[in-house]
C-alpha atoms as a PDB file:
ATOM      1  CA  MET A   1     265.150 147.722  18.670  1.00  0.00           C
ATOM      2  CA  SER A   2     262.706 149.190  21.208  1.00  0.00           C
ATOM      3  CA  ASN A   3     259.611 147.322  22.350  1.00  0.00           C
ATOM      4  CA  HIS A   4     257.499 149.686  20.252  1.00  0.00           C
ATOM      5  CA  SER A   5     259.610 149.092  17.161  1.00  0.00           C
ATOM      6  CA  ASN A   6     259.423 145.337  17.738  1.00  0.00           C
ATOM      7  CA  ALA A   7     255.646 145.599  17.955  1.00  0.00           C
ATOM      8  CA  ILE A   8     255.430 147.545  14.691  1.00  0.00           C
ATOM      9  CA  ASP A   9     257.620 145.005  12.952  1.00  0.00           C
ATOM     10  CA  ALA A  10     255.570 142.145  14.376  1.00  0.00           C
ATOM     11  CA  ILE A  11     252.149 143.473  13.344  1.00  0.00           C
ATOM     12  CA  ARG A  12     253.387 143.788   9.755  1.00  0.00           C
ATOM     13  CA  GLN A  13     253.952 140.025   9.680  1.00  0.00           C
ATOM     14  CA  PHE A  14     250.226 139.309   9.993  1.00  0.00           C
ATOM     15  CA  GLU A  15     247.736 139.110   7.154  1.00  0.00           C
ATOM     16  CA  ILE A  16     246.340 142.638   7.417  1.00  0.00           C
ATOM     17  CA  ASP A  17     246.378 144.524   4.135  1.00  0.00           C
ATOM     18  CA  ASP A  18     244.783 147.754   5.307  1.00  0.00           C
ATOM     19  CA  ASP A  19     246.610 151.048   5.905  1.00  0.00           C
ATOM     20  CA  PHE A  20     248.680 150.957   9.089  1.00  0.00           C
ATOM     21  CA  VAL A  21     248.133 153.833  11.560  1.00  0.00           C
ATOM     22  CA  ASN A  22     249.789 152.999  14.869  1.00  0.00           C
ATOM     23  CA  VAL A  23     250.510 150.511  17.657  1.00  0.00           C
ATOM     24  CA  THR A  24     250.122 151.509  21.318  1.00  0.00           C
ATOM     25  CA  ALA A  25     250.428 149.693  24.644  1.00  0.00           C
ATOM     26  CA  TYR A  26     247.036 148.447  25.822  1.00  0.00           C
ATOM     27  CA  GLY A  27     245.322 146.930  28.844  1.00  0.00           C
ATOM     28  CA  SER A  28     246.324 146.080  32.414  1.00  0.00           C
ATOM     29  CA  GLY A  29     247.715 142.559  31.987  1.00  0.00           C
ATOM     30  CA  HIS A  30     250.912 141.633  33.813  1.00  0.00           C
ATOM     31  CA  ILE A  31     252.032 138.527  31.893  1.00  0.00           C
ATOM     32  CA  ASN A  32     252.193 139.244  28.164  1.00  0.00           C
ATOM     33  CA  ASP A  33     253.047 142.543  26.440  1.00  0.00           C
ATOM     34  CA  THR A  34     249.790 143.727  24.862  1.00  0.00           C
ATOM     35  CA  TYR A  35     249.267 146.376  22.172  1.00  0.00           C
ATOM     36  CA  ARG A  36     246.350 147.783  20.213  1.00  0.00           C
ATOM     37  CA  ALA A  37     247.068 148.135  16.501  1.00  0.00           C
ATOM     38  CA  VAL A  38     244.976 150.474  14.349  1.00  0.00           C
ATOM     39  CA  PHE A  39     244.563 150.234  10.585  1.00  0.00           C
ATOM     40  CA  TYR A  40     242.266 152.028   8.157  1.00  0.00           C
ATOM     41  CA  GLN A  41     240.131 150.360   5.533  1.00  0.00           C
ATOM     42  CA  ALA A  42     238.175 152.633   3.166  1.00  0.00           C
ATOM     43  CA  GLY A  43     238.558 155.457   5.663  1.00  0.00           C
ATOM     44  CA  LEU A  44     237.211 153.472   8.598  1.00  0.00           C
ATOM     45  CA  PRO A  45     239.359 152.252  11.517  1.00  0.00           C
ATOM     46  CA  LYS A  46     239.966 148.550  12.097  1.00  0.00           C
ATOM     47  CA  ARG A  47     241.549 147.513  15.369  1.00  0.00           C
ATOM     48  CA  PHE A  48     243.513 144.464  16.430  1.00  0.00           C
ATOM     49  CA  ILE A  49     245.122 143.157  19.609  1.00  0.00           C
ATOM     50  CA  LEU A  50     248.807 142.271  19.270  1.00  0.00           C
ATOM     51  CA  GLN A  51     250.565 140.319  22.023  1.00  0.00           C
ATOM     52  CA  ARG A  52     254.088 139.168  22.741  1.00  0.00           C
ATOM     53  CA  ILE A  53     253.919 135.917  24.704  1.00  0.00           C
ATOM     54  CA  ASN A  54     255.850 135.730  27.960  1.00  0.00           C
ATOM     55  CA  ARG A  55     258.241 132.813  27.441  1.00  0.00           C
ATOM     56  CA  ALA A  56     259.341 132.900  31.093  1.00  0.00           C
ATOM     57  CA  ILE A  57     255.838 131.745  32.080  1.00  0.00           C
ATOM     58  CA  PHE A  58     254.858 129.747  29.001  1.00  0.00           C
ATOM     59  CA  LYS A  59     257.772 127.466  28.216  1.00  0.00           C
ATOM     60  CA  ASP A  60     256.254 126.055  25.016  1.00  0.00           C
ATOM     61  CA  PRO A  61     254.492 128.927  23.203  1.00  0.00           C
ATOM     62  CA  ALA A  62     253.894 126.852  20.076  1.00  0.00           C
ATOM     63  CA  ALA A  63     251.969 124.228  22.065  1.00  0.00           C
ATOM     64  CA  MET A  64     249.954 126.963  23.734  1.00  0.00           C
ATOM     65  CA  MET A  65     249.119 128.530  20.383  1.00  0.00           C
ATOM     66  CA  LYS A  66     248.042 125.161  18.988  1.00  0.00           C
ATOM     67  CA  ASN A  67     245.645 124.874  21.928  1.00  0.00           C
ATOM     68  CA  ILE A  68     244.249 128.327  21.205  1.00  0.00           C
ATOM     69  CA  GLU A  69     243.854 127.568  17.496  1.00  0.00           C
ATOM     70  CA  ARG A  70     241.855 124.435  18.270  1.00  0.00           C
ATOM     71  CA  VAL A  71     239.746 126.077  20.971  1.00  0.00           C
ATOM     72  CA  THR A  72     238.867 129.219  19.009  1.00  0.00           C
ATOM     73  CA  GLY A  73     238.176 127.156  15.883  1.00  0.00           C
ATOM     74  CA  HIS A  74     235.807 124.863  17.787  1.00  0.00           C
ATOM     75  CA  LEU A  75     234.051 127.761  19.511  1.00  0.00           C
ATOM     76  CA  ALA A  76     233.584 129.565  16.185  1.00  0.00           C
ATOM     77  CA  THR A  77     231.861 126.473  14.809  1.00  0.00           C
ATOM     78  CA  GLN A  78     229.623 126.213  17.872  1.00  0.00           C
ATOM     79  CA  VAL A  79     228.423 129.835  17.770  1.00  0.00           C
ATOM     80  CA  ALA A  80     228.120 130.110  13.966  1.00  0.00           C
ATOM     81  CA  GLY A  81     224.693 131.443  13.043  1.00  0.00           C
ATOM     82  CA  GLU A  82     224.192 133.352  16.289  1.00  0.00           C
ATOM     83  CA  PRO A  83     223.649 137.123  16.016  1.00  0.00           C
ATOM     84  CA  GLU A  84     227.012 138.921  16.002  1.00  0.00           C
ATOM     85  CA  CYS A  85     228.722 135.545  16.338  1.00  0.00           C
ATOM     86  CA  GLU A  86     232.116 137.101  15.498  1.00  0.00           C
ATOM     87  CA  ARG A  87     231.970 138.950  18.852  1.00  0.00           C
ATOM     88  CA  HIS A  88     231.480 135.755  20.862  1.00  0.00           C
ATOM     89  CA  VAL A  89     234.851 134.161  20.223  1.00  0.00           C
ATOM     90  CA  LEU A  90     238.399 135.415  19.762  1.00  0.00           C
ATOM     91  CA  THR A  91     239.558 135.374  16.128  1.00  0.00           C
ATOM     92  CA  LEU A  92     243.230 134.752  15.427  1.00  0.00           C
ATOM     93  CA  ILE A  93     244.748 136.567  12.456  1.00  0.00           C
ATOM     94  CA  PRO A  94     247.165 134.330  10.508  1.00  0.00           C
ATOM     95  CA  THR A  95     250.630 135.453   9.530  1.00  0.00           C
ATOM     96  CA  ARG A  96     251.500 136.101   5.919  1.00  0.00           C
ATOM     97  CA  SER A  97     253.441 132.850   5.938  1.00  0.00           C
ATOM     98  CA  GLY A  98     250.485 130.840   7.266  1.00  0.00           C
ATOM     99  CA  PRO A  99     250.833 130.016  10.988  1.00  0.00           C
ATOM    100  CA  ALA A 100     248.785 131.837  13.623  1.00  0.00           C
ATOM    101  CA  TRP A 101     251.892 133.143  15.365  1.00  0.00           C
ATOM    102  CA  HIS A 102     255.081 134.949  14.390  1.00  0.00           C
ATOM    103  CA  VAL A 103     258.541 134.255  15.801  1.00  0.00           C
ATOM    104  CA  ASP A 104     260.862 137.239  15.468  1.00  0.00           C
ATOM    105  CA  GLU A 105     264.650 137.259  15.133  1.00  0.00           C
ATOM    106  CA  ASP A 106     265.022 137.275  18.934  1.00  0.00           C
ATOM    107  CA  GLY A 107     262.905 134.143  19.273  1.00  0.00           C
ATOM    108  CA  GLU A 108     259.934 136.069  20.679  1.00  0.00           C
ATOM    109  CA  TYR A 109     256.437 134.773  19.884  1.00  0.00           C
ATOM    110  CA  TRP A 110     253.704 137.159  18.717  1.00  0.00           C
ATOM    111  CA  ARG A 111     250.007 136.720  17.936  1.00  0.00           C
ATOM    112  CA  THR A 112     247.179 138.955  16.750  1.00  0.00           C
ATOM    113  CA  TYR A 113     243.441 138.864  17.457  1.00  0.00           C
ATOM    114  CA  ARG A 114     240.623 140.814  15.885  1.00  0.00           C
ATOM    115  CA  PHE A 115     239.538 143.545  18.330  1.00  0.00           C
ATOM    116  CA  ILE A 116     236.071 143.037  19.835  1.00  0.00           C
ATOM    117  CA  GLU A 117     234.236 146.336  19.591  1.00  0.00           C
ATOM    118  CA  LYS A 118     231.614 147.843  21.922  1.00  0.00           C
ATOM    119  CA  ALA A 119     232.592 145.658  24.881  1.00  0.00           C
ATOM    120  CA  SER A 120     234.794 146.286  27.902  1.00  0.00           C
ATOM    121  CA  THR A 121     236.610 144.491  30.692  1.00  0.00           C
ATOM    122  CA  TYR A 122     236.550 145.424  34.379  1.00  0.00           C
ATOM    123  CA  ASP A 123     239.349 144.802  36.852  1.00  0.00           C
ATOM    124  CA  ALA A 124     236.987 144.853  39.844  1.00  0.00           C
ATOM    125  CA  VAL A 125     233.381 143.682  40.066  1.00  0.00           C
ATOM    126  CA  GLU A 126     230.905 146.533  40.440  1.00  0.00           C
ATOM    127  CA  SER A 127     227.607 144.652  40.817  1.00  0.00           C
ATOM    128  CA  THR A 128     226.045 141.238  41.289  1.00  0.00           C
ATOM    129  CA  ASP A 129     224.856 141.425  37.673  1.00  0.00           C
ATOM    130  CA  GLN A 130     228.459 141.629  36.475  1.00  0.00           C
ATOM    131  CA  ALA A 131     229.293 138.569  38.590  1.00  0.00           C
ATOM    132  CA  PHE A 132     226.283 136.739  37.138  1.00  0.00           C
ATOM    133  CA  GLN A 133     227.222 137.617  33.559  1.00  0.00           C
ATOM    134  CA  ALA A 134     230.862 136.603  33.993  1.00  0.00           C
ATOM    135  CA  ALA A 135     229.939 133.271  35.567  1.00  0.00           C
ATOM    136  CA  ARG A 136     227.392 132.625  32.854  1.00  0.00           C
ATOM    137  CA  ALA A 137     230.005 133.353  30.177  1.00  0.00           C
ATOM    138  CA  PHE A 138     232.592 131.035  31.737  1.00  0.00           C
ATOM    139  CA  GLY A 139     229.974 128.303  32.168  1.00  0.00           C
ATOM    140  CA  ARG A 140     228.985 128.595  28.521  1.00  0.00           C
ATOM    141  CA  PHE A 141     232.648 128.526  27.538  1.00  0.00           C
ATOM    142  CA  GLN A 142     233.106 125.192  29.333  1.00  0.00           C
ATOM    143  CA  THR A 143     229.879 123.785  27.924  1.00  0.00           C
ATOM    144  CA  LEU A 144     230.719 124.658  24.314  1.00  0.00           C
ATOM    145  CA  LEU A 145     234.148 123.061  24.695  1.00  0.00           C
ATOM    146  CA  GLY A 146     232.674 119.884  26.169  1.00  0.00           C
ATOM    147  CA  GLY A 147     232.563 118.411  22.672  1.00  0.00           C
ATOM    148  CA  LEU A 148     236.090 119.384  21.627  1.00  0.00           C
ATOM    149  CA  PRO A 149     237.402 116.422  19.566  1.00  0.00           C
ATOM    150  CA  GLU A 150     240.526 114.498  20.495  1.00  0.00           C
ATOM    151  CA  PRO A 151     243.452 114.715  20.956  1.00  0.00           C
ATOM    152  CA  ARG A 152     243.745 116.076  24.477  1.00  0.00           C
ATOM    153  CA  LEU A 153     244.936 119.688  24.727  1.00  0.00           C
ATOM    154  CA  HIS A 154     248.507 120.413  25.788  1.00  0.00           C
ATOM    155  CA  ASP A 155     249.192 121.282  29.432  1.00  0.00           C
ATOM    156  CA  THR A 156     250.500 124.828  29.047  1.00  0.00           C
ATOM    157  CA  ILE A 157     251.522 124.969  32.741  1.00  0.00           C
ATOM    158  CA  PRO A 158     251.757 121.393  34.111  1.00  0.00           C
ATOM    159  CA  ASP A 159     250.173 120.821  37.563  1.00  0.00           C
ATOM    160  CA  PHE A 160     248.831 124.377  37.579  1.00  0.00           C
ATOM    161  CA  HIS A 161     245.966 123.490  39.940  1.00  0.00           C
ATOM    162  CA  ASN A 162     247.510 120.401  41.527  1.00  0.00           C
ATOM    163  CA  THR A 163     246.832 121.645  45.049  1.00  0.00           C
ATOM    164  CA  PRO A 164     248.425 118.654  46.846  1.00  0.00           C
ATOM    165  CA  LYS A 165     251.644 119.230  44.905  1.00  0.00           C
ATOM    166  CA  ARG A 166     251.501 122.933  45.745  1.00  0.00           C
ATOM    167  CA  PHE A 167     251.186 121.904  49.401  1.00  0.00           C
ATOM    168  CA  GLN A 168     254.262 119.657  49.138  1.00  0.00           C
ATOM    169  CA  VAL A 169     256.241 122.580  47.716  1.00  0.00           C
ATOM    170  CA  LEU A 170     255.111 124.685  50.676  1.00  0.00           C
ATOM    171  CA  GLN A 171     256.282 122.022  53.121  1.00  0.00           C
ATOM    172  CA  GLN A 172     259.698 122.015  51.452  1.00  0.00           C
ATOM    173  CA  ALA A 173     259.858 125.817  51.687  1.00  0.00           C
ATOM    174  CA  ILE A 174     259.013 125.638  55.400  1.00  0.00           C
ATOM    175  CA  ASN A 175     261.691 123.053  56.043  1.00  0.00           C
ATOM    176  CA  LEU A 176     264.388 124.860  54.037  1.00  0.00           C
ATOM    177  CA  ASP A 177     263.459 128.383  55.195  1.00  0.00           C
ATOM    178  CA  VAL A 178     266.100 129.769  52.833  1.00  0.00           C
ATOM    179  CA  ALA A 179     265.213 133.409  53.537  1.00  0.00           C
ATOM    180  CA  GLY A 180     264.944 132.978  57.316  1.00  0.00           C
ATOM    181  CA  ARG A 181     261.337 134.147  57.293  1.00  0.00           C
ATOM    182  CA  ALA A 182     259.450 131.223  58.823  1.00  0.00           C
ATOM    183  CA  ILE A 183     259.587 132.876  62.250  1.00  0.00           C
ATOM    184  CA  PHE A 184     257.573 135.822  60.872  1.00  0.00           C
ATOM    185  CA  ALA A 185     254.906 133.604  59.307  1.00  0.00           C
ATOM    186  CA  LYS A 186     254.183 131.155  62.123  1.00  0.00           C
ATOM    187  CA  PRO A 187     250.393 131.801  62.270  1.00  0.00           C
ATOM    188  CA  GLU A 188     250.108 131.410  58.499  1.00  0.00           C
ATOM    189  CA  ILE A 189     252.226 128.248  58.494  1.00  0.00           C
ATOM    190  CA  ASP A 190     250.105 126.805  61.313  1.00  0.00           C
ATOM    191  CA  PHE A 191     246.921 127.660  59.392  1.00  0.00           C
ATOM    192  CA  ALA A 192     248.215 125.982  56.241  1.00  0.00           C
ATOM    193  CA  LEU A 193     249.330 122.828  58.026  1.00  0.00           C
ATOM    194  CA  ALA A 194     246.011 122.573  59.870  1.00  0.00           C
ATOM    195  CA  HIS A 195     244.176 122.729  56.526  1.00  0.00           C
ATOM    196  CA  GLU A 196     246.242 120.126  54.691  1.00  0.00           C
ATOM    197  CA  SER A 197     243.132 118.009  54.074  1.00  0.00           C
ATOM    198  CA  VAL A 198     241.641 120.833  51.970  1.00  0.00           C
ATOM    199  CA  ALA A 199     244.341 120.427  49.328  1.00  0.00           C
ATOM    200  CA  GLY A 200     243.138 117.068  48.019  1.00  0.00           C
ATOM    201  CA  VAL A 201     239.364 117.628  48.125  1.00  0.00           C
ATOM    202  CA  LEU A 202     238.805 118.225  44.399  1.00  0.00           C
ATOM    203  CA  LEU A 203     241.467 115.906  42.998  1.00  0.00           C
ATOM    204  CA  ASN A 204     240.239 113.045  45.192  1.00  0.00           C
ATOM    205  CA  ALA A 205     236.563 113.525  44.328  1.00  0.00           C
ATOM    206  CA  GLY A 206     236.631 111.500  41.087  1.00  0.00           C
ATOM    207  CA  LEU A 207     235.411 114.411  38.977  1.00  0.00           C
ATOM    208  CA  PRO A 208     235.641 114.256  35.166  1.00  0.00           C
ATOM    209  CA  GLU A 209     238.387 116.017  33.260  1.00  0.00           C
ATOM    210  CA  ARG A 210     237.139 119.002  31.259  1.00  0.00           C
ATOM    211  CA  VAL A 211     238.541 121.740  29.051  1.00  0.00           C
ATOM    212  CA  THR A 212     238.965 124.616  31.467  1.00  0.00           C
ATOM    213  CA  HIS A 213     240.063 128.251  31.311  1.00  0.00           C
ATOM    214  CA  ASN A 214     242.082 128.301  34.565  1.00  0.00           C
ATOM    215  CA  ASP A 215     242.161 132.091  34.975  1.00  0.00           C
ATOM    216  CA  THR A 216     238.552 133.101  35.534  1.00  0.00           C
ATOM    217  CA  LYS A 217     238.992 136.635  36.801  1.00  0.00           C
ATOM    218  CA  LEU A 218     236.248 139.107  35.928  1.00  0.00           C
ATOM    219  CA  ASN A 219     238.569 140.961  33.539  1.00  0.00           C
ATOM    220  CA  ASN A 220     238.846 137.882  31.348  1.00  0.00           C
ATOM    221  CA  VAL A 221     235.250 138.290  30.203  1.00  0.00           C
ATOM    222  CA  MET A 222     234.273 141.135  27.883  1.00  0.00           C
ATOM    223  CA  LEU A 223     230.916 142.661  28.844  1.00  0.00           C
ATOM    224  CA  ASP A 224     228.738 144.405  26.268  1.00  0.00           C
ATOM    225  CA  ASP A 225     228.846 148.191  26.663  1.00  0.00           C
ATOM    226  CA  VAL A 226     225.058 148.506  26.229  1.00  0.00           C
ATOM    227  CA  THR A 227     223.458 145.350  27.638  1.00  0.00           C
ATOM    228  CA  GLY A 228     226.152 144.345  30.148  1.00  0.00           C
ATOM    229  CA  GLU A 229     225.950 140.747  28.939  1.00  0.00           C
ATOM    230  CA  GLY A 230     229.039 138.560  28.793  1.00  0.00           C
ATOM    231  CA  VAL A 231     230.152 138.720  25.174  1.00  0.00           C
ATOM    232  CA  CYS A 232     233.444 136.843  24.939  1.00  0.00           C
ATOM    233  CA  VAL A 233     235.868 134.947  27.182  1.00  0.00           C
ATOM    234  CA  ILE A 234     239.422 136.130  26.557  1.00  0.00           C
ATOM    235  CA  ASP A 235     243.001 135.344  27.690  1.00  0.00           C
ATOM    236  CA  LEU A 236     243.111 131.719  26.573  1.00  0.00           C
ATOM    237  CA  ASP A 237     246.768 131.064  27.439  1.00  0.00           C
ATOM    238  CA  THR A 238     245.933 128.658  30.266  1.00  0.00           C
ATOM    239  CA  VAL A 239     243.099 126.808  28.537  1.00  0.00           C
ATOM    240  CA  MET A 240     243.975 123.161  29.060  1.00  0.00           C
ATOM    241  CA  PRO A 241     242.612 119.965  30.619  1.00  0.00           C
ATOM    242  CA  GLY A 242     241.425 120.373  34.195  1.00  0.00           C
ATOM    243  CA  LEU A 243     238.423 120.210  36.498  1.00  0.00           C
ATOM    244  CA  ALA A 244     235.410 122.418  35.817  1.00  0.00           C
ATOM    245  CA  LEU A 245     235.435 123.443  39.466  1.00  0.00           C
ATOM    246  CA  TYR A 246     238.909 124.956  39.162  1.00  0.00           C
ATOM    247  CA  ASP A 247     237.254 127.677  37.113  1.00  0.00           C
ATOM    248  CA  PHE A 248     234.289 128.139  39.424  1.00  0.00           C
ATOM    249  CA  GLY A 249     236.563 128.145  42.465  1.00  0.00           C
ATOM    250  CA  ASP A 250     238.739 130.886  41.021  1.00  0.00           C
ATOM    251  CA  MET A 251     235.634 132.946  40.291  1.00  0.00           C
ATOM    252  CA  VAL A 252     234.693 132.667  43.958  1.00  0.00           C
ATOM    253  CA  ARG A 253     238.220 133.612  45.021  1.00  0.00           C
ATOM    254  CA  THR A 254     238.492 136.683  42.797  1.00  0.00           C
ATOM    255  CA  THR A 255     234.913 137.987  42.710  1.00  0.00           C
ATOM    256  CA  THR A 256     233.144 137.471  46.035  1.00  0.00           C
ATOM    257  CA  GLY A 257     235.353 139.629  48.265  1.00  0.00           C
ATOM    258  CA  PRO A 258     235.425 143.460  48.334  1.00  0.00           C
ATOM    259  CA  ALA A 259     239.043 143.679  49.503  1.00  0.00           C
ATOM    260  CA  LYS A 260     242.177 143.932  47.393  1.00  0.00           C
ATOM    261  CA  GLU A 261     244.347 140.841  47.050  1.00  0.00           C
ATOM    262  CA  ASP A 262     247.023 142.461  49.219  1.00  0.00           C
ATOM    263  CA  GLU A 263     244.685 144.201  51.699  1.00  0.00           C
ATOM    264  CA  GLN A 264     246.376 144.686  55.061  1.00  0.00           C
ATOM    265  CA  ASP A 265     243.164 145.418  56.977  1.00  0.00           C
ATOM    266  CA  LEU A 266     241.837 141.875  57.247  1.00  0.00           C
ATOM    267  CA  SER A 267     238.513 143.081  58.650  1.00  0.00           C
ATOM    268  CA  LYS A 268     237.662 144.000  55.048  1.00  0.00           C
ATOM    269  CA  VAL A 269     238.228 140.445  53.797  1.00  0.00           C
ATOM    270  CA  THR A 270     234.992 138.461  53.650  1.00  0.00           C
ATOM    271  CA  LEU A 271     232.936 136.405  51.230  1.00  0.00           C
ATOM    272  CA  GLN A 272     229.927 138.469  50.210  1.00  0.00           C
ATOM    273  CA  PHE A 273     227.051 136.017  49.986  1.00  0.00           C
ATOM    274  CA  PRO A 274     225.103 137.957  47.311  1.00  0.00           C
ATOM    275  CA  MET A 275     228.149 137.816  45.027  1.00  0.00           C
ATOM    276  CA  PHE A 276     228.464 134.067  45.611  1.00  0.00           C
ATOM    277  CA  GLU A 277     224.779 133.634  44.820  1.00  0.00           C
ATOM    278  CA  ALA A 278     225.192 135.611  41.585  1.00  0.00           C
ATOM    279  CA  LEU A 279     228.124 133.402  40.547  1.00  0.00           C
ATOM    280  CA  VAL A 280     226.224 130.190  41.278  1.00  0.00           C
ATOM    281  CA  ARG A 281     223.118 131.321  39.419  1.00  0.00           C
ATOM    282  CA  GLY A 282     225.076 132.559  36.415  1.00  0.00           C
ATOM    283  CA  TYR A 283     227.296 129.497  36.223  1.00  0.00           C
ATOM    284  CA  LEU A 284     224.463 126.993  36.578  1.00  0.00           C
ATOM    285  CA  ARG A 285     222.335 128.948  34.093  1.00  0.00           C
ATOM    286  CA  SER A 286     224.788 128.021  31.327  1.00  0.00           C
ATOM    287  CA  ALA A 287     226.628 124.953  32.673  1.00  0.00           C
ATOM    288  CA  GLY A 288     223.954 123.328  34.832  1.00  0.00           C
ATOM    289  CA  GLY A 289     222.959 120.819  32.165  1.00  0.00           C
ATOM    290  CA  PHE A 290     226.598 120.013  31.398  1.00  0.00           C
ATOM    291  CA  LEU A 291     227.871 119.361  34.921  1.00  0.00           C
ATOM    292  CA  THR A 292     227.495 116.029  36.694  1.00  0.00           C
ATOM    293  CA  ASP A 293     225.698 115.792  40.036  1.00  0.00           C
ATOM    294  CA  ALA A 294     229.068 115.255  41.720  1.00  0.00           C
ATOM    295  CA  GLU A 295     230.452 118.461  40.217  1.00  0.00           C
ATOM    296  CA  LYS A 296     227.439 120.393  41.504  1.00  0.00           C
ATOM    297  CA  ASP A 297     227.890 118.828  44.947  1.00  0.00           C
ATOM    298  CA  TYR A 298     231.450 120.179  45.130  1.00  0.00           C
ATOM    299  CA  LEU A 299     230.688 123.725  43.982  1.00  0.00           C
ATOM    300  CA  VAL A 300     230.822 124.991  47.565  1.00  0.00           C
ATOM    301  CA  TYR A 301     234.227 123.394  48.204  1.00  0.00           C
ATOM    302  CA  ALA A 302     235.729 124.742  44.982  1.00  0.00           C
ATOM    303  CA  GLY A 303     236.135 128.293  46.243  1.00  0.00           C
ATOM    304  CA  LYS A 304     237.786 127.134  49.458  1.00  0.00           C
ATOM    305  CA  VAL A 305     240.234 124.829  47.674  1.00  0.00           C
ATOM    306  CA  ILE A 306     241.351 127.353  45.050  1.00  0.00           C
ATOM    307  CA  THR A 307     241.589 130.179  47.598  1.00  0.00           C
ATOM    308  CA  PHE A 308     243.631 127.962  49.910  1.00  0.00           C
ATOM    309  CA  GLU A 309     245.843 126.990  46.970  1.00  0.00           C
ATOM    310  CA  GLN A 310     246.561 130.616  46.121  1.00  0.00           C
ATOM    311  CA  GLY A 311     247.284 131.345  49.763  1.00  0.00           C
ATOM    312  CA  ILE A 312     249.884 128.603  50.023  1.00  0.00           C
ATOM    313  CA  ARG A 313     251.461 129.795  46.767  1.00  0.00           C
ATOM    314  CA  PHE A 314     251.891 133.283  48.227  1.00  0.00           C
ATOM    315  CA  LEU A 315     253.210 131.811  51.480  1.00  0.00           C
ATOM    316  CA  THR A 316     255.655 129.569  49.603  1.00  0.00           C
ATOM    317  CA  ASP A 317     257.010 132.523  47.651  1.00  0.00           C
ATOM    318  CA  TYR A 318     257.373 134.598  50.806  1.00  0.00           C
ATOM    319  CA  LEU A 319     259.375 131.830  52.491  1.00  0.00           C
ATOM    320  CA  ALA A 320     261.501 131.356  49.365  1.00  0.00           C
ATOM    321  CA  GLY A 321     262.472 135.046  49.275  1.00  0.00           C
ATOM    322  CA  ASP A 322     259.920 136.444  46.779  1.00  0.00           C
ATOM    323  CA  THR A 323     261.253 134.688  43.703  1.00  0.00           C
ATOM    324  CA  TYR A 324     258.033 134.328  41.668  1.00  0.00           C
ATOM    325  CA  TYR A 325     255.507 137.102  42.330  1.00  0.00           C
ATOM    326  CA  LYS A 326     256.475 140.742  41.957  1.00  0.00           C
ATOM    327  CA  VAL A 327     256.474 142.510  45.326  1.00  0.00           C
ATOM    328  CA  HIS A 328     256.317 146.222  46.135  1.00  0.00           C
ATOM    329  CA  ARG A 329     256.994 146.218  49.872  1.00  0.00           C
ATOM    330  CA  ASP A 330     258.466 144.057  52.608  1.00  0.00           C
ATOM    331  CA  GLY A 331     256.093 141.254  53.488  1.00  0.00           C
ATOM    332  CA  HIS A 332     253.966 141.823  50.395  1.00  0.00           C
ATOM    333  CA  ASN A 333     253.536 138.124  49.684  1.00  0.00           C
ATOM    334  CA  LEU A 334     252.721 137.470  53.327  1.00  0.00           C
ATOM    335  CA  ASP A 335     249.986 140.105  53.171  1.00  0.00           C
ATOM    336  CA  ARG A 336     248.617 138.399  50.080  1.00  0.00           C
ATOM    337  CA  CYS A 337     248.705 135.049  51.843  1.00  0.00           C
ATOM    338  CA  ARG A 338     246.799 136.466  54.812  1.00  0.00           C
ATOM    339  CA  THR A 339     243.962 137.776  52.649  1.00  0.00           C
ATOM    340  CA  GLN A 340     243.552 134.365  51.021  1.00  0.00           C
ATOM    341  CA  PHE A 341     243.523 132.529  54.334  1.00  0.00           C
ATOM    342  CA  LYS A 342     241.044 135.042  55.797  1.00  0.00           C
ATOM    343  CA  LEU A 343     238.765 134.414  52.812  1.00  0.00           C
ATOM    344  CA  VAL A 344     239.070 130.661  53.425  1.00  0.00           C
ATOM    345  CA  GLU A 345     237.878 131.270  56.987  1.00  0.00           C
ATOM    346  CA  SER A 346     234.951 133.352  55.730  1.00  0.00           C
ATOM    347  CA  ILE A 347     233.959 130.587  53.318  1.00  0.00           C
ATOM    348  CA  GLU A 348     234.109 128.023  56.122  1.00  0.00           C
ATOM    349  CA  GLN A 349     231.820 130.176  58.253  1.00  0.00           C
ATOM    350  CA  GLN A 350     229.204 130.285  55.457  1.00  0.00           C
ATOM    351  CA  GLU A 351     229.459 126.779  54.008  1.00  0.00           C
ATOM    352  CA  GLU A 352     226.043 125.608  55.211  1.00  0.00           C
ATOM    353  CA  PRO A 353     223.998 128.446  53.635  1.00  0.00           C
ATOM    354  CA  MET A 354     226.186 128.229  50.521  1.00  0.00           C
ATOM    355  CA  ALA A 355     225.365 124.524  50.197  1.00  0.00           C
ATOM    356  CA  ARG A 356     221.634 125.165  50.722  1.00  0.00           C
ATOM    357  CA  LEU A 357     221.722 127.767  47.964  1.00  0.00           C
ATOM    358  CA  VAL A 358     223.363 125.414  45.479  1.00  0.00           C
ATOM    359  CA  ARG A 359     220.849 122.668  46.238  1.00  0.00           C
ATOM    360  CA  SER A 360     217.944 125.092  45.763  1.00  0.00           C
ATOM    361  CA  ILE A 361     218.894 126.162  42.226  1.00  0.00           C
ATOM    362  CA  GLU A 362     217.530 124.263  39.266  1.00  0.00           C
ATOM    363  CA  PRO A 363     219.614 124.606  36.094  1.00  0.00           C
END
């Protein structure tokens, strides 16, 4: 069966009794296969998001889906009574047999969400207001999940933000040099080794464990088409226990710079202070009363740590022969590494004003 036929078969397994119209590929995600399914009810269209989970990345899809069930259920309870509350949290559609996911005859896992109307995602930030709204939405997401009852969520990708362990893997890749590339990456290797102390900053700070999103790119927040406000945090596959600053740090990494992740002209790679300020103000607007003083103190370091972590991941993959990230040219992963390390340098050059800004903001 083709992917399209599989998708049609899968959507029919979910509890949707309206008239089926079509299923089409949707979105720009690179991990899961995503489709938009359209049905008609009393002559009016109803839309849903159907996804096939990537089992190469998520080794235990059932555990991941149990996390998502608990998280979306808790969030729905927290926002109940708010205007248009159904737009503020993803809603899983159950299968006809009961569970919130379907396993097809090939062992593939599928899930369906209600489509959130009149809101959009953006792959690149266009304004400081968008940065503010995204940070505010992610901060509220963390705050609302602060009271999630036990038990602890499953680790969908163990050690995902264990930066010291990522650094150890890099050291092994340098020593093995299986692709014979270390000679071409000497400046990047030297930079990484000189910044080893950065790797343990957050994990050694004694910060509390939180429920975190772990993929806080701008396009994982839906922004209202009219008001521009952050409506709903999406892509919950990596929601698991972690540090709140993992999320803030990844916002800094992915939002503050104007350059592409694989930009070859490093003069374009810089932290834009107004974007950082927008992130801080948005995040503290919603999470300021939830965070401890220690977490606030480490906000400035978070961006540097997570950016450094992503840089050493790209460098590790380059040295290993490009076995994890998809590449489209020779040295692609090395280019990606260089942009991350250049952003680390830009953060280091602005740490003092960044720290003054954080201290000046009252939640």
